[in-house]
Amino acid sequence: MHVVATAGHVDHGKSTLVRALTGMEPDRWAEERRRGMTIDLGFAWTTLDPGGTVAFVDVPGHERFVPNMLAGVGPVPAAMVVVAADEGWMPQSAEHLAALDALGVRHGLLVVSRADLADPGPAMRRAAEEIAATSLGAVAAVAVSAVTGAGLDELRTALSRLVTALPAPAGGPVRLWADRAFTIKGAGTVVTGTLGGGELRTGDELELTAGERVVRVRGLQSLGEPVIAVRGPARVAVNLRGVGKDEVGRGAALLTPGCFLRTDLVDVRVHGDPVAALPGTLTLHAGSAAVTVRVRPLGADTARLRLARALPLRIGDRALLRDPGRHHVAGGVTVLDVVPPGLQRRGAAEARAVTLAGMDGVPDPAGELRRRRLVRRGELVRMGVPAEGDAVAGDWLADPEHWAWLGTRLAAEVAAHARERPLEPGVPVDALRHRLELPDRALVEALVRPPLVLRAGRVAAGAAGVPPELVAAVDKAFADLADRPFAAPEAHRLAELGLGPRQLGAAVRAGLVVQVADNVVLRAGAPERAAQVLAGLPQPFTLSEARQALDTTRRVAVPLLGLLDRTGATRRLPDDRRTVIDKDA
């Protein structure tokens, strides 16, 4: 299927042409038929040979209904511009063409209608000249009369050429902008729209921007017939399960879950009026949505837009800015960034303008990584950028140059910390995360490379991550006690070696010793070995029996047994004897 929108001034015969081509009545409202003027969007379709099925979105031509017109042409890839031979180029001819140009529509056809009432030549020459200066470029032109039928065959041939030359259908995720919502008795809420790409299937789960919730497709119709699946481009009606009509309307969108980011702040390139001349407030038309925006100029042709309501926009999207007070299309916009950085610092706006000047709205994975430095894969996908390459940690992607710089910075921070606090066994991971301004501690852990080590939540230099001076001091303290594993160095010996409270605390954190009391330390693992020795005694045993079995002093035995009690290795009985607890029993 192909989808083509009409465009042109009011009463230039757009609906009459669609009716003549399809045999269907595009005007849905009784008031439209009574007044002979299209007010809202109309829909009809026909089959061309060659070309296949062509669905028409018929738009209103009166200036009061331009927002309705824009809701119809937003998602459509091609347009049929209609100009009456007896009236020629008119104000809404110009505004509709400006809208197509702003939206970047590149495929079209000029139809000069009512050729039975006047020579179509002058109107055709003027219209062709106006159209050629826009994104549509030079287009085929046909003169017709829906009354006499003259030129209709030529119009069908020209439409066939137009649709067969359209680009291949886009794949990827679904973003269906709703242009109509209504209820059917016994079926529930139905949303219609132009599916630009992707595929919809009955039973699919989709995100509904209105209410930001997941909904299920109960049924699908295309061109009035039930279907199991429909692939864009196509006109489609979606029956939604469990959604009230008041929950969804024109401007809402149905989205493939996890593939779109709803944003209320975007940086754009403006194609049209000079940015400096734009009013501070305009209306942004994207898809079928119309949202008030505040405009902040940045560069000569770039600006930041603050949206009154978040929309599911992606990098590269085309949209339109309009001044409703002046009935004026201010220009088209290309979305350059949907997650732009803040501009609070002095000079940030000027720097941002320079960055935007080098962006073209074409999704660029390497460029986005270079600008963002670190970004989650899913966020990049929701921006509309292919997420290429391997993650550095979890789902984090990193710019290679920035990642290498972070590794160098991490090593420098660890070295500086070791110089300033030599007794500490490394830098806590969270402290490094803050110093490097990283959003996730997993990134810090992923940056650790030899000779750095990660141990007990700290990053340190060296194979063990322990200051060598501390290791040497502890070794000297226990040098004369090698044959007595449960003996502790005397306090004066510890002081001689410089092992005061701070140094002993560092040794404990490094796993070199176990502190059982003030100035009473044992080698790491001594409590576990003591429990094994005590298990060989007749149970229960006294403090004296334990001291003798461990070949240690009362100064050590009392706090050591207290530690074993606290850790559940032993249990103290009412008569002050103890028993070793068999944890395997």
Protein backbone atom coordinates (compact mmCIF):
# COMPACT_ATOMS: atom_id res chain seq x y z
CA MET A 1 0.00 0.00 0.00
CA HIS A 2 1.02 3.62 -0.61
CA VAL A 3 -0.33 6.68 1.20
CA VAL A 4 -0.71 10.08 -0.49
CA ALA A 5 -2.04 13.29 1.08
CA THR A 6 -3.84 16.05 -0.75
CA ALA A 7 -2.84 19.70 -0.35
CA GLY A 8 -4.20 22.97 -1.66
CA HIS A 9 -6.47 25.99 -1.16
CA VAL A 10 -10.04 25.64 0.04
CA ASP A 11 -12.61 24.83 -2.67
CA HIS A 12 -10.00 23.88 -5.26
CA GLY A 13 -11.54 20.44 -5.68
CA LYS A 14 -9.32 18.17 -3.59
CA SER A 15 -12.18 16.05 -2.23
CA THR A 16 -13.90 16.02 -5.63
CA LEU A 17 -10.75 14.58 -7.20
CA VAL A 18 -10.40 11.91 -4.51
CA ARG A 19 -14.06 11.01 -5.01
CA ALA A 20 -13.55 10.75 -8.78
CA LEU A 21 -10.43 8.58 -8.38
CA THR A 22 -11.80 6.21 -5.74
CA GLY A 23 -15.57 6.27 -6.01
CA MET A 24 -15.61 6.87 -2.24
CA GLU A 25 -16.81 9.86 -0.22
CA PRO A 26 -13.84 11.25 1.76
CA ASP A 27 -15.89 13.79 3.69
CA ARG A 28 -17.05 11.94 6.81
CA TRP A 29 -19.20 14.62 8.44
CA ALA A 30 -22.70 15.60 7.38
CA GLU A 31 -21.73 19.25 7.88
CA GLU A 32 -18.86 18.84 5.42
CA ARG A 33 -21.18 17.46 2.77
CA ARG A 34 -23.81 20.15 3.49
CA ARG A 35 -21.29 23.00 3.24
CA GLY A 36 -19.27 21.42 0.43
CA MET A 37 -16.08 22.08 2.39
CA THR A 38 -13.69 19.65 4.07
CA ILE A 39 -13.30 20.42 7.79
CA ASP A 40 -11.43 17.41 9.08
CA LEU A 41 -9.32 14.65 7.58
CA GLY A 42 -10.96 12.34 5.08
CA PHE A 43 -9.85 8.91 3.89
CA ALA A 44 -10.42 6.93 0.69
CA TRP A 45 -8.50 4.44 -1.43
CA THR A 46 -8.26 2.86 -4.85
CA THR A 47 -6.15 0.36 -6.80
CA LEU A 48 -3.87 1.47 -9.60
CA ASP A 49 -2.35 -0.71 -12.29
CA PRO A 50 0.57 -0.56 -11.94
CA GLY A 51 1.13 0.86 -8.48
CA GLY A 52 -1.18 -1.24 -6.34
CA THR A 53 -3.35 0.16 -3.59
CA VAL A 54 -3.17 3.89 -2.92
CA ALA A 55 -4.82 5.38 0.18
CA PHE A 56 -5.57 9.11 0.19
CA VAL A 57 -5.56 11.36 3.23
CA ASP A 58 -7.78 14.24 2.15
CA VAL A 59 -7.03 17.41 4.12
CA PRO A 60 -9.05 20.60 4.65
CA GLY A 61 -7.99 23.68 2.69
CA HIS A 62 -9.44 26.50 4.80
CA GLU A 63 -6.95 28.51 6.87
CA ARG A 64 -8.98 27.85 10.03
CA PHE A 65 -8.33 24.12 9.68
CA VAL A 66 -4.60 24.14 8.94
CA PRO A 67 -3.87 22.26 12.22
CA ASN A 68 -6.14 19.47 10.96
CA MET A 69 -4.32 19.51 7.64
CA LEU A 70 -0.94 19.21 9.37
CA ALA A 71 -2.14 16.27 11.44
CA GLY A 72 -2.85 14.45 8.18
CA VAL A 73 0.28 15.20 6.19
CA GLY A 74 2.77 14.77 9.06
CA PRO A 75 3.35 11.01 8.67
CA VAL A 76 2.66 10.82 4.89
CA PRO A 77 5.54 10.39 2.37
CA ALA A 78 3.93 11.92 -0.74
CA ALA A 79 1.45 14.66 -1.65
CA MET A 80 -0.89 15.58 -4.46
CA VAL A 81 -0.93 19.39 -4.69
CA VAL A 82 -4.20 20.63 -6.16
CA VAL A 83 -4.59 24.10 -7.74
CA ALA A 84 -7.78 25.27 -9.49
CA ALA A 85 -7.36 26.48 -13.08
CA ASP A 86 -9.87 29.29 -12.63
CA GLU A 87 -8.35 30.70 -9.41
CA GLY A 88 -4.66 29.80 -9.65
CA TRP A 89 -2.17 30.11 -6.84
CA MET A 90 -3.86 31.15 -3.57
CA PRO A 91 -2.84 31.81 0.09
CA GLN A 92 -3.52 28.28 1.34
CA SER A 93 -1.78 26.87 -1.73
CA ALA A 94 1.31 28.67 -0.45
CA GLU A 95 0.83 27.66 3.21
CA HIS A 96 0.18 24.02 2.38
CA LEU A 97 3.26 23.94 0.14
CA ALA A 98 5.31 25.62 2.88
CA ALA A 99 4.15 22.91 5.27
CA LEU A 100 5.17 20.12 2.88
CA ASP A 101 8.54 21.80 2.39
CA ALA A 102 9.02 22.24 6.14
CA LEU A 103 8.28 18.57 6.72
CA GLY A 104 10.79 17.60 4.03
CA VAL A 105 8.26 15.83 1.76
CA ARG A 106 10.18 14.94 -1.42
CA HIS A 107 7.61 13.15 -3.55
CA GLY A 108 4.63 14.84 -5.12
CA LEU A 109 2.38 15.53 -8.06
CA LEU A 110 0.76 18.76 -9.28
CA VAL A 111 -2.88 18.52 -10.32
CA VAL A 112 -4.58 21.53 -11.92
CA SER A 113 -8.29 20.98 -11.31
CA ARG A 114 -11.41 22.52 -12.87
CA ALA A 115 -9.69 22.58 -16.24
CA ASP A 116 -13.16 22.81 -17.81
CA LEU A 117 -13.60 26.32 -16.35
CA ALA A 118 -10.36 28.00 -17.48
CA ASP A 119 -7.13 27.48 -19.38
CA PRO A 120 -4.99 25.39 -16.97
CA GLY A 121 -1.71 26.68 -18.46
CA PRO A 122 -1.16 29.83 -16.36
CA ALA A 123 -2.08 28.10 -13.08
CA MET A 124 0.13 25.11 -13.95
CA ARG A 125 3.16 27.29 -14.79
CA ARG A 126 2.88 29.36 -11.59
CA ALA A 127 2.28 26.33 -9.35
CA ALA A 128 5.11 24.32 -10.94
CA GLU A 129 7.48 27.24 -10.35
CA GLU A 130 6.45 27.53 -6.69
CA ILE A 131 6.76 23.77 -6.08
CA ALA A 132 10.14 23.49 -7.79
CA ALA A 133 11.65 25.83 -5.18
CA THR A 134 10.75 23.44 -2.33
CA SER A 135 11.79 19.98 -1.13
CA LEU A 136 9.41 18.48 -3.74
CA GLY A 137 11.48 19.88 -6.60
CA ALA A 138 10.29 19.45 -10.19
CA VAL A 139 7.10 17.36 -10.22
CA ALA A 140 4.85 15.90 -12.90
CA ALA A 141 1.76 18.02 -13.65
CA VAL A 142 -1.67 16.97 -14.90
CA ALA A 143 -4.71 19.07 -15.80
CA VAL A 144 -8.08 17.44 -15.01
CA SER A 145 -11.79 18.05 -14.77
CA ALA A 146 -13.68 15.92 -12.30
CA VAL A 147 -16.90 17.09 -13.95
CA THR A 148 -16.12 16.02 -17.53
CA GLY A 149 -13.61 13.29 -16.62
CA ALA A 150 -10.95 14.86 -18.83
CA GLY A 151 -7.44 14.07 -17.64
CA LEU A 152 -8.46 11.46 -15.02
CA ASP A 153 -6.73 8.64 -16.90
CA GLU A 154 -3.59 10.73 -17.18
CA LEU A 155 -3.85 11.48 -13.45
CA ARG A 156 -4.06 7.76 -12.64
CA THR A 157 -0.99 7.13 -14.79
CA ALA A 158 0.90 9.96 -13.06
CA LEU A 159 -0.11 8.62 -9.64
CA SER A 160 1.13 5.16 -10.63
CA ARG A 161 4.50 6.62 -11.57
CA LEU A 162 4.60 8.60 -8.32
CA VAL A 163 3.90 5.69 -5.96
CA THR A 164 6.11 3.18 -7.78
CA ALA A 165 9.02 5.62 -7.38
CA LEU A 166 8.56 5.97 -3.62
CA PRO A 167 11.37 4.60 -1.41
CA ALA A 168 11.09 1.06 -0.12
CA PRO A 169 9.06 0.71 3.10
CA ALA A 170 11.01 1.38 6.28
CA GLY A 171 11.42 -1.40 8.80
CA GLY A 172 12.19 -0.92 12.45
CA PRO A 173 9.90 -0.05 15.35
CA VAL A 174 6.31 1.15 15.11
CA ARG A 175 5.32 4.75 15.80
CA LEU A 176 1.70 5.22 14.83
CA TRP A 177 0.49 8.80 15.30
CA ALA A 178 -3.25 8.81 16.00
CA ASP A 179 -5.26 11.13 13.77
CA ARG A 180 -8.67 9.84 14.91
CA ALA A 181 -10.10 7.92 17.88
CA PHE A 182 -13.64 6.62 18.30
CA THR A 183 -15.59 3.81 19.90
CA ILE A 184 -17.48 0.97 18.25
CA LYS A 185 -20.25 -0.70 20.23
CA GLY A 186 -19.08 -4.12 21.30
CA ALA A 187 -15.51 -3.53 20.15
CA GLY A 188 -14.24 -0.62 22.22
CA THR A 189 -11.80 2.12 21.29
CA VAL A 190 -10.35 2.35 17.79
CA VAL A 191 -7.40 4.53 16.82
CA THR A 192 -6.58 5.31 13.19
CA GLY A 193 -3.40 6.65 11.65
CA THR A 194 -0.81 6.36 8.90
CA LEU A 195 1.70 3.63 9.70
CA GLY A 196 4.92 4.98 8.23
CA GLY A 197 7.01 1.85 8.79
CA GLY A 198 7.37 -1.31 10.80
CA GLU A 199 4.71 -3.94 11.28
CA LEU A 200 1.65 -4.22 13.52
CA ARG A 201 0.10 -7.56 14.47
CA THR A 202 -2.98 -8.55 16.41
CA GLY A 203 -1.96 -9.28 19.99
CA ASP A 204 1.02 -6.90 19.97
CA GLU A 205 1.76 -4.90 23.10
CA LEU A 206 2.42 -1.22 22.47
CA GLU A 207 3.22 1.82 24.56
CA LEU A 208 0.48 4.44 24.49
CA THR A 209 1.89 7.93 25.00
CA ALA A 210 -1.43 9.11 26.43
CA GLY A 211 -1.20 7.91 30.02
CA GLU A 212 2.21 6.34 29.33
CA ARG A 213 1.05 2.75 29.66
CA VAL A 214 1.24 -0.53 27.77
CA VAL A 215 -1.83 -1.56 25.74
CA ARG A 216 -2.66 -4.63 23.68
CA VAL A 217 -3.89 -4.69 20.07
CA ARG A 218 -7.26 -6.41 20.09
CA GLY A 219 -7.79 -6.20 16.35
CA LEU A 220 -6.59 -4.49 13.15
CA GLN A 221 -8.27 -3.15 10.04
CA SER A 222 -6.74 -1.76 6.88
CA LEU A 223 -8.86 -0.24 4.09
CA GLY A 224 -12.00 -1.38 5.88
CA GLU A 225 -11.03 -5.06 6.09
CA PRO A 226 -9.91 -7.05 9.16
CA VAL A 227 -6.26 -8.15 8.99
CA ILE A 228 -3.94 -10.14 11.22
CA ALA A 229 -0.92 -7.98 10.40
CA VAL A 230 -0.17 -4.80 8.48
CA ARG A 231 3.17 -3.42 7.35
CA GLY A 232 3.84 0.26 6.71
CA PRO A 233 3.31 2.41 4.86
CA ALA A 234 -0.42 1.88 5.31
CA ARG A 235 -3.59 3.34 6.65
CA VAL A 236 -4.58 1.30 9.69
CA ALA A 237 -7.27 1.16 12.35
CA VAL A 238 -6.21 -0.35 15.68
CA ASN A 239 -8.74 -1.73 18.16
CA LEU A 240 -7.22 -1.36 21.64
CA ARG A 241 -8.12 -3.56 24.59
CA GLY A 242 -9.08 -1.82 27.82
CA VAL A 243 -8.62 1.77 26.62
CA GLY A 244 -11.38 4.36 26.94
CA LYS A 245 -12.01 6.86 24.14
CA ASP A 246 -11.29 9.71 26.55
CA GLU A 247 -7.81 8.24 27.18
CA VAL A 248 -6.55 8.67 23.62
CA GLY A 249 -6.99 11.23 20.87
CA ARG A 250 -5.31 13.00 17.99
CA GLY A 251 -1.65 13.57 18.75
CA ALA A 252 -1.21 10.45 20.86
CA ALA A 253 1.04 7.72 19.53
CA LEU A 254 1.32 3.93 19.71
CA LEU A 255 4.95 2.82 20.03
CA THR A 256 7.01 -0.33 20.00
CA PRO A 257 7.97 -0.73 23.69
CA GLY A 258 11.46 0.39 24.63
CA CYS A 259 12.22 2.00 21.27
CA PHE A 260 11.21 5.62 21.79
CA LEU A 261 12.11 8.32 24.28
CA ARG A 262 9.44 10.81 25.31
CA THR A 263 11.12 14.18 25.60
CA ASP A 264 10.06 17.75 26.30
CA LEU A 265 13.41 19.31 25.40
CA VAL A 266 15.04 19.09 21.96
CA ASP A 267 17.75 20.86 20.01
CA VAL A 268 16.82 21.40 16.36
CA ARG A 269 18.00 22.88 13.10
CA VAL A 270 15.44 25.34 11.69
CA HIS A 271 14.76 25.45 7.95
CA GLY A 272 12.85 28.64 7.23
CA ASP A 273 12.66 31.97 9.02
CA PRO A 274 15.90 33.20 10.66
CA VAL A 275 16.09 31.79 14.17
CA ALA A 276 16.72 35.21 15.68
CA ALA A 277 13.42 36.43 14.19
CA LEU A 278 11.28 33.62 15.59
CA PRO A 279 8.70 34.49 18.27
CA GLY A 280 9.41 33.18 21.75
CA THR A 281 6.39 30.86 21.57
CA LEU A 282 5.26 28.79 18.60
CA THR A 283 3.37 25.57 17.89
CA LEU A 284 5.36 22.46 16.98
CA HIS A 285 3.58 20.01 14.67
CA ALA A 286 5.13 16.52 14.79
CA GLY A 287 3.27 13.56 13.37
CA SER A 288 -0.36 14.27 14.24
CA ALA A 289 0.57 16.14 17.43
CA ALA A 290 0.50 19.90 17.95
CA VAL A 291 2.35 21.19 21.03
CA THR A 292 3.17 24.69 22.21
CA VAL A 293 6.93 25.27 22.44
CA ARG A 294 9.19 27.94 23.85
CA VAL A 295 12.04 28.82 21.50
CA ARG A 296 15.59 29.57 22.65
CA PRO A 297 17.86 30.57 19.75
CA LEU A 298 21.33 29.04 19.88
CA GLY A 299 23.08 29.43 16.52
CA ALA A 300 22.25 31.08 13.21
CA ASP A 301 19.92 28.19 12.30
CA THR A 302 19.73 26.15 15.52
CA ALA A 303 17.49 26.46 18.55
CA ARG A 304 16.38 24.71 21.71
CA LEU A 305 12.66 23.94 22.03
CA ARG A 306 10.94 23.41 25.37
CA LEU A 307 7.73 21.45 24.72
CA ALA A 308 4.60 21.92 26.79
CA ARG A 309 4.06 18.16 26.52
CA ALA A 310 6.57 15.38 25.99
CA LEU A 311 6.54 13.70 22.56
CA PRO A 312 8.17 10.48 21.29
CA LEU A 313 10.81 12.13 19.11
CA ARG A 314 14.02 10.71 17.67
CA ILE A 315 17.16 12.18 16.17
CA GLY A 316 16.51 12.93 12.49
CA ASP A 317 12.75 13.50 12.85
CA ARG A 318 11.24 16.30 10.77
CA ALA A 319 8.61 18.57 12.28
CA LEU A 320 7.12 21.99 11.63
CA LEU A 321 6.99 25.28 13.54
CA ARG A 322 3.91 27.45 13.00
CA ASP A 323 2.79 30.78 14.36
CA PRO A 324 -0.98 30.24 14.76
CA GLY A 325 -1.60 33.92 15.46
CA ARG A 326 -0.21 34.96 12.07
CA HIS A 327 -1.33 31.78 10.23
CA HIS A 328 2.31 31.44 9.24
CA VAL A 329 4.60 28.45 8.80
CA ALA A 330 7.79 29.63 10.49
CA GLY A 331 9.80 26.73 9.14
CA GLY A 332 10.62 23.09 9.37
CA VAL A 333 12.91 21.60 11.96
CA THR A 334 15.25 18.63 11.96
CA VAL A 335 15.68 17.11 15.39
CA LEU A 336 19.39 17.03 16.27
CA ASP A 337 19.25 15.92 19.91
CA VAL A 338 16.46 14.59 22.11
CA VAL A 339 18.53 14.51 25.33
CA PRO A 340 20.47 17.77 25.13
CA PRO A 341 22.86 18.89 27.88
CA GLY A 342 22.07 21.69 30.30
CA LEU A 343 23.13 25.25 29.52
CA GLN A 344 23.61 26.63 33.02
CA ARG A 345 27.33 27.43 32.83
CA ARG A 346 28.66 30.66 31.37
CA GLY A 347 29.38 30.22 27.67
CA ALA A 348 27.48 26.90 27.48
CA ALA A 349 24.97 28.19 24.91
CA GLU A 350 27.71 29.43 22.58
CA ALA A 351 29.60 26.15 22.88
CA ARG A 352 26.42 24.22 22.23
CA ALA A 353 25.77 26.24 19.06
CA VAL A 354 29.21 25.25 17.78
CA THR A 355 28.49 21.58 18.48
CA LEU A 356 25.09 21.71 16.77
CA ALA A 357 26.61 23.38 13.70
CA GLY A 358 28.46 20.12 13.03
CA MET A 359 25.37 17.90 13.36
CA ASP A 360 23.05 17.03 10.48
CA GLY A 361 20.33 14.96 12.14
CA VAL A 362 21.59 11.71 10.63
CA PRO A 363 21.91 9.15 13.47
CA ASP A 364 25.65 8.70 14.05
CA PRO A 365 26.65 6.10 16.69
CA ALA A 366 30.31 7.17 16.85
CA GLY A 367 29.40 10.84 16.97
CA GLU A 368 26.86 10.34 19.73
CA LEU A 369 29.36 8.38 21.81
CA ARG A 370 31.97 11.08 21.25
CA ARG A 371 29.57 13.80 22.39
CA ARG A 372 27.99 11.90 25.29
CA ARG A 373 31.13 9.98 26.28
CA LEU A 374 29.06 7.43 28.20
CA VAL A 375 25.51 6.30 27.42
CA ARG A 376 23.36 3.25 28.06
CA ARG A 377 22.66 1.12 25.00
CA GLY A 378 18.89 1.28 25.50
CA GLU A 379 18.90 5.06 25.76
CA LEU A 380 20.83 5.34 22.51
CA VAL A 381 18.29 3.07 20.78
CA ARG A 382 15.40 5.19 22.10
CA MET A 383 17.09 8.27 20.64
CA GLY A 384 16.94 6.60 17.23
CA VAL A 385 20.66 5.80 17.01
CA PRO A 386 21.94 2.27 16.22
CA ALA A 387 23.75 0.98 19.31
CA GLU A 388 26.94 -0.51 17.89
CA GLY A 389 29.94 -2.06 19.61
CA ASP A 390 30.53 -3.92 22.85
CA ALA A 391 29.49 -2.52 26.22
CA VAL A 392 32.26 -1.56 28.66
CA ALA A 393 30.15 -2.50 31.69
CA GLY A 394 26.58 -3.79 31.89
CA ASP A 395 24.73 -1.96 29.11
CA TRP A 396 27.04 1.08 29.14
CA LEU A 397 28.70 2.13 25.88
CA ALA A 398 31.71 4.45 25.93
CA ASP A 399 33.64 6.61 23.52
CA PRO A 400 36.99 4.76 23.19
CA GLU A 401 39.10 7.89 23.65
CA HIS A 402 37.16 8.97 26.73
CA TRP A 403 37.29 5.45 28.18
CA ALA A 404 41.08 5.39 27.83
CA TRP A 405 41.30 8.80 29.51
CA LEU A 406 39.15 7.54 32.40
CA GLY A 407 41.52 4.60 32.88
CA THR A 408 44.49 6.96 33.11
CA ARG A 409 42.61 9.25 35.48
CA LEU A 410 41.63 6.31 37.69
CA ALA A 411 45.26 5.19 38.06
CA ALA A 412 46.28 8.75 38.93
CA GLU A 413 43.58 9.03 41.60
CA VAL A 414 44.62 5.72 43.17
CA ALA A 415 48.30 6.73 43.19
CA ALA A 416 47.50 10.12 44.76
CA HIS A 417 45.39 8.46 47.44
CA ALA A 418 48.20 6.01 48.25
CA ARG A 419 50.63 8.90 48.73
CA GLU A 420 48.24 10.85 50.94
CA ARG A 421 46.97 7.87 52.97
CA PRO A 422 49.52 5.10 52.73
CA LEU A 423 47.91 3.05 55.51
CA GLU A 424 44.55 2.72 53.75
CA PRO A 425 44.16 -0.36 51.53
CA GLY A 426 43.06 1.57 48.44
CA VAL A 427 40.29 3.99 47.44
CA PRO A 428 36.61 3.10 47.96
CA VAL A 429 34.84 2.48 44.64
CA ASP A 430 32.13 5.04 45.42
CA ALA A 431 34.74 7.70 46.17
CA LEU A 432 36.31 7.07 42.76
CA ARG A 433 32.89 7.18 41.11
CA HIS A 434 32.34 10.69 42.48
CA ARG A 435 35.83 11.90 41.61
CA LEU A 436 35.53 10.65 38.03
CA GLU A 437 31.90 11.88 37.83
CA LEU A 438 30.67 8.47 36.69
CA PRO A 439 26.97 7.51 36.88
CA ASP A 440 27.48 3.87 37.89
CA ARG A 441 29.99 2.13 40.19
CA ALA A 442 30.12 -0.74 37.70
CA LEU A 443 32.01 1.62 35.39
CA VAL A 444 34.70 2.15 38.04
CA GLU A 445 35.06 -1.61 38.52
CA ALA A 446 35.33 -2.11 34.75
CA LEU A 447 38.17 0.43 34.57
CA VAL A 448 40.37 -1.52 36.99
CA ARG A 449 43.29 -3.05 35.10
CA PRO A 450 46.62 -4.48 36.32
CA PRO A 451 48.60 -3.36 38.19
CA LEU A 452 45.47 -1.99 39.91
CA VAL A 453 43.35 -4.45 41.85
CA LEU A 454 39.81 -4.41 43.18
CA ARG A 455 39.49 -5.86 46.66
CA ALA A 456 36.70 -5.55 49.24
CA GLY A 457 35.12 -2.55 47.51
CA ARG A 458 38.42 -0.65 47.15
CA VAL A 459 40.83 -0.05 44.29
CA ALA A 460 44.55 -0.16 45.06
CA ALA A 461 47.92 -0.55 43.37
CA GLY A 462 49.95 -3.71 43.70
CA ALA A 463 49.13 -7.37 43.49
CA ALA A 464 47.61 -7.43 46.98
CA GLY A 465 46.55 -3.83 47.18
CA VAL A 466 48.29 -3.40 50.56
CA PRO A 467 50.99 -0.80 51.31
CA PRO A 468 54.34 -2.70 51.38
CA GLU A 469 55.50 -0.78 54.49
CA LEU A 470 52.51 -2.09 56.41
CA VAL A 471 53.14 -5.67 55.28
CA ALA A 472 56.79 -5.43 56.41
CA ALA A 473 55.86 -4.04 59.83
CA VAL A 474 53.32 -6.79 60.48
CA ASP A 475 55.80 -9.47 59.38
CA LYS A 476 58.39 -8.12 61.85
CA ALA A 477 55.85 -8.05 64.68
CA PHE A 478 55.15 -11.76 64.29
CA ALA A 479 58.68 -12.86 63.28
CA ASP A 480 59.52 -14.23 66.76
CA LEU A 481 56.12 -15.94 67.16
CA ALA A 482 56.15 -18.21 64.11
CA ASP A 483 55.91 -21.37 66.27
CA ARG A 484 53.15 -19.90 68.44
CA PRO A 485 50.24 -18.99 66.10
CA PHE A 486 47.98 -17.90 68.96
CA ALA A 487 50.46 -15.59 70.65
CA ALA A 488 50.14 -11.82 70.18
CA PRO A 489 53.01 -9.32 69.97
CA GLU A 490 53.38 -7.17 73.08
CA ALA A 491 52.11 -3.62 72.96
CA HIS A 492 55.61 -2.13 73.27
CA ARG A 493 56.76 -4.24 70.28
CA LEU A 494 53.90 -2.96 68.16
CA ALA A 495 54.77 0.61 69.17
CA GLU A 496 58.44 0.09 68.29
CA LEU A 497 57.40 -0.97 64.78
CA GLY A 498 55.08 2.00 64.35
CA LEU A 499 51.91 -0.09 64.54
CA GLY A 500 49.64 2.28 66.40
CA PRO A 501 45.83 2.30 66.31
CA ARG A 502 45.66 3.78 62.75
CA GLN A 503 48.22 1.33 61.39
CA LEU A 504 46.55 -1.66 63.07
CA GLY A 505 43.21 -0.55 61.69
CA ALA A 506 44.72 -0.45 58.19
CA ALA A 507 46.21 -3.93 58.71
CA VAL A 508 42.81 -5.26 59.80
CA ARG A 509 41.09 -3.75 56.73
CA ALA A 510 43.82 -5.21 54.53
CA GLY A 511 43.18 -8.67 55.98
CA LEU A 512 46.68 -8.98 57.44
CA VAL A 513 45.63 -9.37 61.09
CA VAL A 514 42.61 -9.88 63.31
CA GLN A 515 42.22 -7.49 66.23
CA VAL A 516 40.71 -9.29 69.24
CA ALA A 517 41.25 -6.42 71.72
CA ASP A 518 43.08 -3.09 71.99
CA ASN A 519 46.73 -3.73 71.12
CA VAL A 520 45.99 -7.47 70.86
CA VAL A 521 46.28 -8.73 67.32
CA LEU A 522 46.69 -12.17 65.79
CA ARG A 523 47.55 -13.30 62.30
CA ALA A 524 44.63 -13.51 59.90
CA GLY A 525 42.88 -16.89 60.16
CA ALA A 526 43.95 -17.47 63.79
CA PRO A 527 40.36 -17.52 65.19
CA GLU A 528 39.32 -20.25 62.72
CA ARG A 529 42.39 -22.35 63.53
CA ALA A 530 41.80 -21.84 67.27
CA ALA A 531 38.27 -23.24 66.93
CA GLN A 532 39.72 -26.34 65.27
CA VAL A 533 42.22 -26.85 68.13
CA LEU A 534 39.56 -26.36 70.78
CA ALA A 535 37.29 -28.88 69.06
CA GLY A 536 39.90 -31.53 69.94
CA LEU A 537 39.51 -30.92 73.69
CA PRO A 538 37.05 -32.87 75.86
CA GLN A 539 33.84 -30.86 75.77
CA PRO A 540 33.07 -28.66 77.59
CA PHE A 541 36.35 -26.98 78.51
CA THR A 542 37.51 -24.22 80.83
CA LEU A 543 39.38 -21.01 80.06
CA SER A 544 42.54 -22.49 81.56
CA GLU A 545 42.26 -25.62 79.40
CA ALA A 546 41.76 -23.50 76.32
CA ARG A 547 44.75 -21.29 77.14
CA GLN A 548 47.02 -24.30 77.57
CA ALA A 549 45.78 -25.98 74.37
CA LEU A 550 46.40 -22.78 72.39
CA ASP A 551 49.74 -22.10 74.08
CA THR A 552 48.93 -18.48 74.71
CA THR A 553 48.49 -16.02 77.54
CA ARG A 554 45.39 -15.00 79.42
CA ARG A 555 45.75 -11.55 77.78
CA VAL A 556 45.02 -13.26 74.46
CA ALA A 557 42.80 -16.18 75.51
CA VAL A 558 40.08 -14.09 77.17
CA PRO A 559 39.30 -11.78 74.20
CA LEU A 560 39.89 -14.61 71.70
CA LEU A 561 37.26 -16.80 73.36
CA GLY A 562 34.93 -13.81 73.50
CA LEU A 563 35.38 -13.38 69.74
CA LEU A 564 34.64 -17.07 69.17
CA ASP A 565 31.49 -16.73 71.28
CA ARG A 566 30.32 -13.73 69.24
CA THR A 567 30.97 -15.41 65.92
CA GLY A 568 29.13 -18.59 66.95
CA ALA A 569 32.20 -20.85 66.92
CA THR A 570 31.81 -21.56 70.65
CA ARG A 571 29.03 -21.33 73.21
CA ARG A 572 29.60 -20.18 76.79
CA LEU A 573 27.78 -22.26 79.43
CA PRO A 574 26.34 -21.01 82.75
CA ASP A 575 29.34 -22.38 84.68
CA ASP A 576 31.74 -20.35 82.43
CA ARG A 577 32.91 -23.44 80.57
CA ARG A 578 32.58 -23.52 76.80
CA THR A 579 31.84 -25.97 74.06
CA VAL A 580 32.71 -25.81 70.36
CA ILE A 581 29.63 -25.72 68.11
CA ASP A 582 29.66 -28.29 65.34
CA LYS A 583 28.11 -26.33 62.42
CA ASP A 584 27.84 -29.48 60.32
CA ALA A 585 25.72 -31.30 62.90
